[in-house]
Protein backbone atom coordinates (compact mmCIF):
# COMPACT_ATOMS: atom_id res chain seq x y z
CA UNK A 1 92.23 75.05 100.85
CA UNK A 2 91.95 78.35 98.81
CA UNK A 3 95.53 79.13 99.25
CA UNK A 4 96.50 76.03 97.21
CA UNK A 5 94.20 77.13 94.30
CA UNK A 6 95.47 80.68 94.46
CA UNK A 7 99.05 79.49 94.64
CA UNK A 8 98.50 77.34 91.49
CA UNK A 9 97.01 80.37 89.66
CA UNK A 10 99.93 82.50 90.54
CA UNK A 11 102.57 79.83 89.70
CA UNK A 12 100.84 79.62 86.17
CA UNK A 13 100.77 83.42 85.63
CA UNK A 14 103.28 85.07 88.15
CA UNK A 15 102.13 88.50 87.00
CA UNK A 16 98.51 88.05 87.72
CA UNK A 17 98.40 90.67 90.49
CA UNK A 18 95.05 90.30 91.53
CA UNK A 19 95.36 86.56 92.16
CA UNK A 20 98.72 87.41 94.17
CA UNK A 21 96.84 89.92 96.20
CA UNK A 22 94.18 87.35 97.02
CA UNK A 23 96.89 84.69 97.73
CA UNK A 24 98.65 87.13 100.17
CA UNK A 25 95.17 87.94 101.88
CA UNK A 26 94.62 84.15 102.44
CA UNK A 27 98.12 83.47 103.65
CA UNK A 28 97.74 86.37 106.14
CA UNK A 29 94.48 85.14 107.34
CA UNK A 30 95.97 81.88 108.31
CA UNK A 31 98.99 83.49 109.97
CA UNK A 32 101.51 83.06 107.24
CA UNK A 33 102.43 86.72 106.99
CA UNK A 34 106.16 86.20 105.87
CA UNK A 35 104.80 84.47 102.76
CA UNK A 36 102.08 87.07 102.25
CA UNK A 37 104.71 89.84 102.45
CA UNK A 38 106.83 88.12 99.55
CA UNK A 39 103.78 88.11 97.25
CA UNK A 40 103.02 91.83 98.06
CA UNK A 41 106.58 92.89 97.50
CA UNK A 42 106.51 91.16 94.17
CA UNK A 43 103.39 92.95 93.16
CA UNK A 44 104.83 96.25 94.06
CA UNK A 45 107.92 95.74 92.26
CA UNK A 46 105.74 94.80 89.13
CA UNK A 47 103.19 97.54 89.27
CA UNK A 48 103.03 99.66 92.43
CA UNK A 49 99.86 101.52 91.37
CA UNK A 50 97.87 98.39 90.48
CA UNK A 51 94.44 98.24 92.01
CA UNK A 52 94.95 101.75 93.84
CA UNK A 53 98.06 100.44 95.50
CA UNK A 54 96.22 97.61 97.07
CA UNK A 55 99.43 95.47 97.55
CA UNK A 56 101.27 98.38 99.36
CA UNK A 57 98.37 99.19 101.62
CA UNK A 58 97.79 95.55 102.61
CA UNK A 59 101.64 95.34 103.16
CA UNK A 60 101.40 98.29 105.65
CA UNK A 61 98.37 96.51 107.37
CA UNK A 62 100.60 93.33 107.95
CA UNK A 63 103.45 95.41 109.19
CA UNK A 64 101.19 97.13 111.79
CA UNK A 65 99.83 93.89 112.88
CA UNK A 66 103.30 92.30 113.11
CA UNK A 67 104.73 95.27 115.10
CA UNK A 68 107.80 97.16 114.35
CA UNK A 69 110.17 94.67 116.00
CA UNK A 70 109.07 91.54 114.21
CA UNK A 71 111.44 89.97 111.57
CA UNK A 72 108.56 90.07 109.10
CA UNK A 73 108.23 93.94 109.34
CA UNK A 74 112.03 94.65 109.52
CA UNK A 75 112.88 92.38 106.52
CA UNK A 76 109.79 93.43 104.59
CA UNK A 77 110.49 97.15 105.26
CA UNK A 78 114.02 96.68 103.98
CA UNK A 79 112.90 95.08 100.78
CA UNK A 80 110.24 97.61 100.25
CA UNK A 81 112.77 100.30 100.54
CA UNK A 82 115.09 98.72 98.04
CA UNK A 83 112.17 98.31 95.61
CA UNK A 84 110.81 101.98 95.94
CA UNK A 85 114.20 103.63 95.96
CA UNK A 86 116.38 101.35 93.46
């Protein structure tokens, strides 16, 4: 399971934003969008500009896929706002 290996990498080095993005993508690919959003929000809080804002762009993709009324989108947007406007 690729998510397990990536999760181990992130656990060992929480600020490895590339591994965190890969983990978020793997989680989203298996329908675990809420978990993916958590990792993306962490990355955005650490370094919004990392990798041409890849975490933020992927986060928006998840929100679009989830739809505006989903809990994942509502909670994720709330957390994103607090990160960006804190």
